[in-house]
Amino acid sequence: MTFNDQFTPICENLRGHVYSTNPDNKFTHREAANDVFLLLEKLGIGHFSVMGISSGGMTLLHMATSQTERIDSKVLNRLALQRMGPTQYPNHPRLFPVLLFGSRR
């Protein structure tokens, strides 16, 4: 059995990252967590495994403390513990800060 037999990979961009918009120029990790939950609801995904990288890891922390029962497993990587900017982290990867894996069970 392969990974793709068990999971559906979903790559989501947080507000204002890559191709997503942020018209109000406002961002909090709590709001990002709510955005991700809205996406999951629209996709019909109840339970999931998730990997959060950098700012996505901070978003995942909010997700994990607000709807713990929905998360089957989680991986946190390179948490952004302070506001990150291009001058502080010039090589910071900005693609796909939150990777969701919807369970096929």
N, C-alpha and C. Protein backbone atom coordinates (compact mmCIF):
# COMPACT_ATOMS: atom_id res chain seq x y z
N MET A 1 0.83 -1.17 0.00
CA MET A 1 0.00 0.00 0.00
C MET A 1 0.89 1.25 0.00
N THR A 2 0.59 2.19 -0.88
CA THR A 2 1.40 3.40 -1.00
C THR A 2 0.79 4.55 -0.20
N PHE A 3 1.56 5.60 -0.06
CA PHE A 3 1.09 6.81 0.61
C PHE A 3 -0.19 7.32 -0.03
N ASN A 4 -0.21 7.39 -1.36
CA ASN A 4 -1.39 7.91 -2.06
C ASN A 4 -2.60 7.01 -1.96
N ASP A 5 -2.41 5.74 -1.60
CA ASP A 5 -3.54 4.85 -1.36
C ASP A 5 -4.21 5.18 -0.03
N GLN A 6 -3.45 5.74 0.90
CA GLN A 6 -3.97 6.01 2.24
C GLN A 6 -4.36 7.46 2.47
N PHE A 7 -3.73 8.39 1.73
CA PHE A 7 -3.93 9.81 1.99
C PHE A 7 -4.14 10.60 0.70
N THR A 8 -4.78 11.74 0.83
CA THR A 8 -4.92 12.69 -0.26
C THR A 8 -4.10 13.93 0.10
N PRO A 9 -2.96 14.16 -0.54
CA PRO A 9 -2.16 15.34 -0.22
C PRO A 9 -2.88 16.63 -0.64
N ILE A 10 -2.87 17.61 0.24
CA ILE A 10 -3.47 18.91 -0.03
C ILE A 10 -2.43 19.96 0.39
N CYS A 11 -2.04 20.81 -0.53
CA CYS A 11 -1.08 21.86 -0.22
C CYS A 11 -1.84 23.18 -0.19
N GLU A 12 -1.85 23.81 0.96
CA GLU A 12 -2.63 25.02 1.18
C GLU A 12 -1.68 26.18 1.46
N ASN A 13 -1.96 27.34 0.91
CA ASN A 13 -1.18 28.55 1.19
C ASN A 13 -1.93 29.41 2.19
N LEU A 14 -1.22 29.88 3.20
CA LEU A 14 -1.82 30.77 4.19
C LEU A 14 -2.10 32.12 3.56
N ARG A 15 -2.95 32.90 4.21
CA ARG A 15 -3.28 34.25 3.71
C ARG A 15 -2.01 35.03 3.38
N GLY A 16 -2.00 35.61 2.19
CA GLY A 16 -0.88 36.47 1.80
C GLY A 16 0.38 35.72 1.41
N HIS A 17 0.35 34.40 1.35
CA HIS A 17 1.52 33.61 0.96
C HIS A 17 1.33 33.12 -0.48
N VAL A 18 2.38 33.21 -1.25
CA VAL A 18 2.44 32.72 -2.62
C VAL A 18 1.29 33.30 -3.44
N TYR A 19 0.28 32.49 -3.81
CA TYR A 19 -0.79 32.95 -4.68
C TYR A 19 -2.07 33.31 -3.94
N SER A 20 -2.07 33.24 -2.63
CA SER A 20 -3.29 33.58 -1.89
C SER A 20 -3.34 35.09 -1.66
N THR A 21 -4.54 35.58 -1.42
CA THR A 21 -4.73 37.01 -1.22
C THR A 21 -4.88 37.33 0.27
N ASN A 22 -4.71 38.58 0.58
CA ASN A 22 -4.90 39.07 1.93
C ASN A 22 -5.27 40.55 1.82
N PRO A 23 -6.50 40.84 1.34
CA PRO A 23 -6.89 42.21 1.05
C PRO A 23 -6.78 43.16 2.25
N ASP A 24 -7.03 42.66 3.46
CA ASP A 24 -6.98 43.51 4.65
C ASP A 24 -5.56 43.64 5.20
N ASN A 25 -4.61 42.93 4.60
CA ASN A 25 -3.22 42.92 5.07
C ASN A 25 -3.15 42.61 6.56
N LYS A 26 -3.95 41.62 6.96
CA LYS A 26 -4.06 41.22 8.36
C LYS A 26 -3.78 39.72 8.44
N PHE A 27 -2.96 39.31 9.41
CA PHE A 27 -2.65 37.89 9.54
C PHE A 27 -2.39 37.53 10.99
N THR A 28 -3.08 36.51 11.45
CA THR A 28 -2.74 35.89 12.73
C THR A 28 -2.77 34.39 12.50
N HIS A 29 -2.01 33.66 13.29
CA HIS A 29 -2.00 32.21 13.14
C HIS A 29 -3.35 31.61 13.54
N ARG A 30 -4.03 32.22 14.47
CA ARG A 30 -5.37 31.74 14.85
C ARG A 30 -6.34 31.87 13.67
N GLU A 31 -6.32 33.01 12.97
CA GLU A 31 -7.17 33.17 11.78
C GLU A 31 -6.77 32.19 10.69
N ALA A 32 -5.48 31.96 10.53
CA ALA A 32 -5.01 30.99 9.53
C ALA A 32 -5.54 29.60 9.86
N ALA A 33 -5.54 29.23 11.14
CA ALA A 33 -6.07 27.93 11.55
C ALA A 33 -7.55 27.83 11.18
N ASN A 34 -8.30 28.90 11.42
CA ASN A 34 -9.71 28.91 11.04
C ASN A 34 -9.88 28.80 9.54
N ASP A 35 -9.01 29.45 8.77
CA ASP A 35 -9.06 29.33 7.31
C ASP A 35 -8.86 27.88 6.87
N VAL A 36 -7.90 27.21 7.50
CA VAL A 36 -7.62 25.81 7.14
C VAL A 36 -8.82 24.94 7.48
N PHE A 37 -9.43 25.16 8.64
CA PHE A 37 -10.61 24.37 9.01
C PHE A 37 -11.76 24.61 8.03
N LEU A 38 -11.92 25.85 7.56
CA LEU A 38 -12.95 26.13 6.56
C LEU A 38 -12.67 25.39 5.25
N LEU A 39 -11.40 25.36 4.84
CA LEU A 39 -11.02 24.61 3.64
C LEU A 39 -11.35 23.13 3.81
N LEU A 40 -10.98 22.56 4.95
CA LEU A 40 -11.26 21.14 5.20
C LEU A 40 -12.76 20.86 5.18
N GLU A 41 -13.54 21.77 5.74
CA GLU A 41 -14.99 21.61 5.74
C GLU A 41 -15.53 21.60 4.32
N LYS A 42 -15.05 22.55 3.49
CA LYS A 42 -15.50 22.60 2.09
C LYS A 42 -15.13 21.34 1.32
N LEU A 43 -13.98 20.74 1.68
CA LEU A 43 -13.52 19.52 1.00
C LEU A 43 -14.15 18.27 1.60
N GLY A 44 -14.90 18.41 2.67
CA GLY A 44 -15.56 17.26 3.28
C GLY A 44 -14.61 16.36 4.05
N ILE A 45 -13.54 16.92 4.60
CA ILE A 45 -12.54 16.13 5.33
C ILE A 45 -12.76 16.32 6.82
N GLY A 46 -13.04 15.21 7.51
CA GLY A 46 -13.27 15.28 8.95
C GLY A 46 -12.00 15.09 9.74
N HIS A 47 -11.35 13.96 9.52
CA HIS A 47 -10.10 13.64 10.22
C HIS A 47 -8.94 13.77 9.23
N PHE A 48 -7.77 14.14 9.76
CA PHE A 48 -6.64 14.33 8.87
C PHE A 48 -5.34 14.25 9.65
N SER A 49 -4.26 14.03 8.92
CA SER A 49 -2.90 14.14 9.44
C SER A 49 -2.31 15.39 8.80
N VAL A 50 -1.41 16.04 9.50
CA VAL A 50 -0.95 17.34 9.01
C VAL A 50 0.51 17.57 9.35
N MET A 51 1.21 18.30 8.47
CA MET A 51 2.57 18.72 8.73
C MET A 51 2.60 20.24 8.57
N GLY A 52 3.10 20.94 9.59
CA GLY A 52 3.21 22.39 9.53
C GLY A 52 4.66 22.80 9.53
N ILE A 53 5.03 23.63 8.57
CA ILE A 53 6.41 24.09 8.44
C ILE A 53 6.44 25.59 8.71
N SER A 54 7.32 26.02 9.61
CA SER A 54 7.51 27.43 9.92
C SER A 54 6.21 28.05 10.41
N SER A 55 5.71 29.05 9.70
CA SER A 55 4.47 29.70 10.11
C SER A 55 3.30 28.71 10.08
N GLY A 56 3.39 27.73 9.20
CA GLY A 56 2.39 26.67 9.16
C GLY A 56 2.40 25.84 10.44
N GLY A 57 3.57 25.71 11.06
CA GLY A 57 3.67 25.01 12.34
C GLY A 57 2.96 25.77 13.45
N MET A 58 3.08 27.10 13.43
CA MET A 58 2.38 27.91 14.41
C MET A 58 0.87 27.82 14.18
N THR A 59 0.46 27.79 12.92
CA THR A 59 -0.95 27.61 12.59
C THR A 59 -1.44 26.26 13.10
N LEU A 60 -0.63 25.24 12.90
CA LEU A 60 -0.97 23.89 13.36
C LEU A 60 -1.14 23.85 14.88
N LEU A 61 -0.33 24.59 15.62
CA LEU A 61 -0.50 24.63 17.07
C LEU A 61 -1.88 25.15 17.44
N HIS A 62 -2.35 26.16 16.75
CA HIS A 62 -3.71 26.66 17.01
C HIS A 62 -4.75 25.63 16.61
N MET A 63 -4.53 24.94 15.51
CA MET A 63 -5.45 23.89 15.08
C MET A 63 -5.52 22.78 16.11
N ALA A 64 -4.35 22.38 16.60
CA ALA A 64 -4.26 21.25 17.53
C ALA A 64 -4.89 21.57 18.88
N THR A 65 -4.93 22.83 19.26
CA THR A 65 -5.53 23.18 20.55
C THR A 65 -7.01 23.54 20.44
N SER A 66 -7.51 23.73 19.23
CA SER A 66 -8.92 24.08 19.10
C SER A 66 -9.80 22.92 18.65
N GLN A 67 -9.26 22.01 17.83
CA GLN A 67 -10.05 20.87 17.36
C GLN A 67 -9.19 19.61 17.38
N THR A 68 -8.69 19.29 18.55
CA THR A 68 -7.75 18.18 18.74
C THR A 68 -8.28 16.86 18.18
N GLU A 69 -9.57 16.62 18.36
CA GLU A 69 -10.16 15.33 17.98
C GLU A 69 -10.12 15.06 16.48
N ARG A 70 -9.92 16.07 15.65
CA ARG A 70 -9.90 15.88 14.20
C ARG A 70 -8.53 15.50 13.66
N ILE A 71 -7.48 15.73 14.44
CA ILE A 71 -6.11 15.51 13.95
C ILE A 71 -5.63 14.13 14.37
N ASP A 72 -5.39 13.27 13.37
CA ASP A 72 -4.91 11.91 13.62
C ASP A 72 -3.43 11.91 13.99
N SER A 73 -2.64 12.72 13.30
CA SER A 73 -1.21 12.84 13.60
C SER A 73 -0.71 14.18 13.07
N LYS A 74 0.38 14.67 13.68
CA LYS A 74 0.91 15.96 13.26
C LYS A 74 2.42 15.98 13.35
N VAL A 75 3.03 16.77 12.47
CA VAL A 75 4.47 16.99 12.47
C VAL A 75 4.70 18.49 12.44
N LEU A 76 5.48 19.00 13.38
CA LEU A 76 5.84 20.42 13.41
C LEU A 76 7.30 20.54 13.00
N ASN A 77 7.58 21.47 12.08
CA ASN A 77 8.94 21.62 11.57
C ASN A 77 9.27 23.11 11.44
N ARG A 78 10.41 23.52 11.99
CA ARG A 78 10.91 24.89 11.86
C ARG A 78 9.87 25.93 12.24
N LEU A 79 9.37 25.85 13.46
CA LEU A 79 8.35 26.78 13.91
C LEU A 79 8.85 28.22 13.83
N ALA A 80 7.97 29.09 13.42
CA ALA A 80 8.27 30.53 13.37
C ALA A 80 7.86 31.13 14.70
N LEU A 81 8.79 31.31 15.58
CA LEU A 81 8.47 31.80 16.92
C LEU A 81 8.50 33.31 17.02
N GLN A 82 8.82 33.97 15.95
CA GLN A 82 8.76 35.43 15.91
C GLN A 82 8.31 35.83 14.51
N ARG A 83 7.94 37.07 14.36
CA ARG A 83 7.51 37.54 13.04
C ARG A 83 8.68 37.44 12.08
N MET A 84 8.46 36.76 10.98
CA MET A 84 9.54 36.52 10.03
C MET A 84 9.42 37.47 8.86
N GLY A 85 10.53 37.95 8.40
CA GLY A 85 10.55 38.82 7.24
C GLY A 85 11.73 38.47 6.36
N PRO A 86 11.73 38.94 5.12
CA PRO A 86 12.78 38.58 4.18
C PRO A 86 14.17 39.04 4.62
N THR A 87 14.24 40.10 5.41
CA THR A 87 15.57 40.54 5.85
C THR A 87 16.12 39.66 6.97
N GLN A 88 15.22 39.08 7.77
CA GLN A 88 15.65 38.20 8.85
C GLN A 88 16.01 36.81 8.32
N TYR A 89 15.23 36.33 7.37
CA TYR A 89 15.40 34.98 6.84
C TYR A 89 15.35 35.02 5.32
N PRO A 90 16.41 35.44 4.67
CA PRO A 90 16.35 35.63 3.21
C PRO A 90 16.10 34.36 2.41
N ASN A 91 16.44 33.20 2.95
CA ASN A 91 16.24 31.95 2.21
C ASN A 91 15.05 31.16 2.72
N HIS A 92 14.16 31.83 3.43
CA HIS A 92 13.00 31.17 4.02
C HIS A 92 12.08 30.63 2.92
N PRO A 93 11.77 29.33 2.94
CA PRO A 93 10.86 28.77 1.93
C PRO A 93 9.44 29.25 2.21
N ARG A 94 8.78 29.83 1.22
CA ARG A 94 7.44 30.37 1.42
C ARG A 94 6.38 29.50 0.77
N LEU A 95 6.75 28.42 0.14
CA LEU A 95 5.76 27.57 -0.51
C LEU A 95 5.16 26.58 0.46
N PHE A 96 3.87 26.44 0.41
CA PHE A 96 3.13 25.41 1.12
C PHE A 96 3.48 25.30 2.60
N PRO A 97 3.20 26.33 3.40
CA PRO A 97 3.53 26.23 4.82
C PRO A 97 2.71 25.20 5.56
N VAL A 98 1.54 24.83 5.06
CA VAL A 98 0.73 23.81 5.71
C VAL A 98 0.43 22.72 4.69
N LEU A 99 0.80 21.51 5.01
CA LEU A 99 0.48 20.36 4.15
C LEU A 99 -0.52 19.50 4.90
N LEU A 100 -1.66 19.29 4.28
CA LEU A 100 -2.72 18.49 4.90
C LEU A 100 -2.83 17.17 4.17
N PHE A 101 -3.11 16.14 4.91
CA PHE A 101 -3.28 14.83 4.33
C PHE A 101 -4.63 14.29 4.78
N GLY A 102 -5.62 14.38 3.93
CA GLY A 102 -6.95 13.88 4.27
C GLY A 102 -6.97 12.37 4.25
N SER A 103 -7.41 11.81 5.34
CA SER A 103 -7.44 10.35 5.45
C SER A 103 -8.49 9.75 4.53
N ARG A 104 -8.17 8.62 3.92
CA ARG A 104 -9.12 7.94 3.05
C ARG A 104 -9.86 6.83 3.77
N ARG A 105 -9.78 6.82 5.08
CA ARG A 105 -10.47 5.75 5.81
C ARG A 105 -11.90 6.08 6.10
